[in-house]
Amino acid sequence: MFKDCKTGGYNLESTHATGQRLIALILLIAIAYTIAVLAGRKSRKMGLQQYVGRLQEF
């Protein structure tokens, strides 16, 4: 999750948020990350893993 919060995804440091706003952003990112993980687990259980994922070069 650390890389996702940095330049790998949510780009948290470019918001320049401090104090209460920073806490709210981190909470929102944690909620979004949790939802994404749960959706991934659900798609894996349904057998959709071969259709969803990063593209691979052959």
C-alpha atoms as a PDB file:
ATOM      1  CA  MET A   1       0.000   0.000   0.000  1.00  0.00           C
ATOM      2  CA  PHE A   2       2.961   2.338   0.581  1.00  0.00           C
ATOM      3  CA  LYS A   3       3.924   2.455  -3.103  1.00  0.00           C
ATOM      4  CA  ASP A   4       0.291   2.948  -4.103  1.00  0.00           C
ATOM      5  CA  CYS A   5       0.050   6.001  -1.849  1.00  0.00           C
ATOM      6  CA  LYS A   6       3.248   7.445  -3.268  1.00  0.00           C
ATOM      7  CA  THR A   7       3.992   7.902  -6.962  1.00  0.00           C
ATOM      8  CA  GLY A   8       2.729   4.414  -7.882  1.00  0.00           C
ATOM      9  CA  GLY A   9      -0.946   5.302  -7.903  1.00  0.00           C
ATOM     10  CA  TYR A  10      -2.696   7.788  -5.655  1.00  0.00           C
ATOM     11  CA  ASN A  11       0.201  10.306  -5.750  1.00  0.00           C
ATOM     12  CA  LEU A  12      -0.469  11.510  -2.213  1.00  0.00           C
ATOM     13  CA  GLU A  13       2.593  13.743  -1.905  1.00  0.00           C
ATOM     14  CA  SER A  14       1.511  15.992  -4.780  1.00  0.00           C
ATOM     15  CA  THR A  15      -1.631  17.020  -2.878  1.00  0.00           C
ATOM     16  CA  HIS A  16       0.425  19.035  -0.350  1.00  0.00           C
ATOM     17  CA  ALA A  17      -2.312  18.343   2.219  1.00  0.00           C
ATOM     18  CA  THR A  18      -1.622  18.778   5.926  1.00  0.00           C
ATOM     19  CA  GLY A  19      -3.441  18.226   9.179  1.00  0.00           C
ATOM     20  CA  GLN A  20      -7.076  17.211   9.059  1.00  0.00           C
ATOM     21  CA  ARG A  21      -7.192  17.161   5.255  1.00  0.00           C
ATOM     22  CA  LEU A  22      -4.235  14.747   5.093  1.00  0.00           C
ATOM     23  CA  ILE A  23      -5.914  12.399   7.577  1.00  0.00           C
ATOM     24  CA  ALA A  24      -9.124  12.474   5.525  1.00  0.00           C
ATOM     25  CA  LEU A  25      -7.207  11.675   2.315  1.00  0.00           C
ATOM     26  CA  ILE A  26      -5.375   8.769   3.932  1.00  0.00           C
ATOM     27  CA  LEU A  27      -8.653   7.377   5.263  1.00  0.00           C
ATOM     28  CA  LEU A  28     -10.266   7.696   1.840  1.00  0.00           C
ATOM     29  CA  ILE A  29      -7.304   5.958   0.178  1.00  0.00           C
ATOM     30  CA  ALA A  30      -7.452   3.144   2.748  1.00  0.00           C
ATOM     31  CA  ILE A  31     -11.163   2.632   2.045  1.00  0.00           C
ATOM     32  CA  ALA A  32     -10.606   2.632  -1.732  1.00  0.00           C
ATOM     33  CA  TYR A  33      -7.683   0.219  -1.387  1.00  0.00           C
ATOM     34  CA  THR A  34      -9.741  -2.150   0.762  1.00  0.00           C
ATOM     35  CA  ILE A  35     -12.606  -2.136  -1.737  1.00  0.00           C
ATOM     36  CA  ALA A  36     -10.175  -2.869  -4.577  1.00  0.00           C
ATOM     37  CA  VAL A  37      -8.632  -5.799  -2.682  1.00  0.00           C
ATOM     38  CA  LEU A  38     -12.058  -7.244  -1.848  1.00  0.00           C
ATOM     39  CA  ALA A  39     -13.176  -6.905  -5.473  1.00  0.00           C
ATOM     40  CA  GLY A  40     -10.016  -8.710  -6.567  1.00  0.00           C
ATOM     41  CA  ARG A  41     -10.649 -11.556  -4.145  1.00  0.00           C
ATOM     42  CA  LYS A  42     -14.232 -11.863  -5.358  1.00  0.00           C
ATOM     43  CA  SER A  43     -13.174 -12.008  -9.010  1.00  0.00           C
ATOM     44  CA  ARG A  44     -10.585 -14.659  -8.142  1.00  0.00           C
ATOM     45  CA  LYS A  45     -13.250 -16.768  -6.406  1.00  0.00           C
ATOM     46  CA  MET A  46     -15.490 -16.445  -9.465  1.00  0.00           C
ATOM     47  CA  GLY A  47     -12.673 -17.712 -11.708  1.00  0.00           C
ATOM     48  CA  LEU A  48     -12.200 -14.450 -13.578  1.00  0.00           C
ATOM     49  CA  GLN A  49      -8.511 -14.141 -12.763  1.00  0.00           C
ATOM     50  CA  GLN A  50      -7.450 -15.122 -16.274  1.00  0.00           C
ATOM     51  CA  TYR A  51      -9.534 -12.289 -17.748  1.00  0.00           C
ATOM     52  CA  VAL A  52      -8.584  -9.557 -15.278  1.00  0.00           C
ATOM     53  CA  GLY A  53      -5.017  -8.460 -14.637  1.00  0.00           C
ATOM     54  CA  ARG A  54      -2.016  -6.716 -16.024  1.00  0.00           C
ATOM     55  CA  LEU A  55      -1.234  -7.188 -19.674  1.00  0.00           C
ATOM     56  CA  GLN A  56       1.672  -9.459 -20.405  1.00  0.00           C
ATOM     57  CA  GLU A  57       3.944  -9.199 -23.402  1.00  0.00           C
ATOM     58  CA  PHE A  58       4.636 -12.420 -25.263  1.00  0.00           C
END
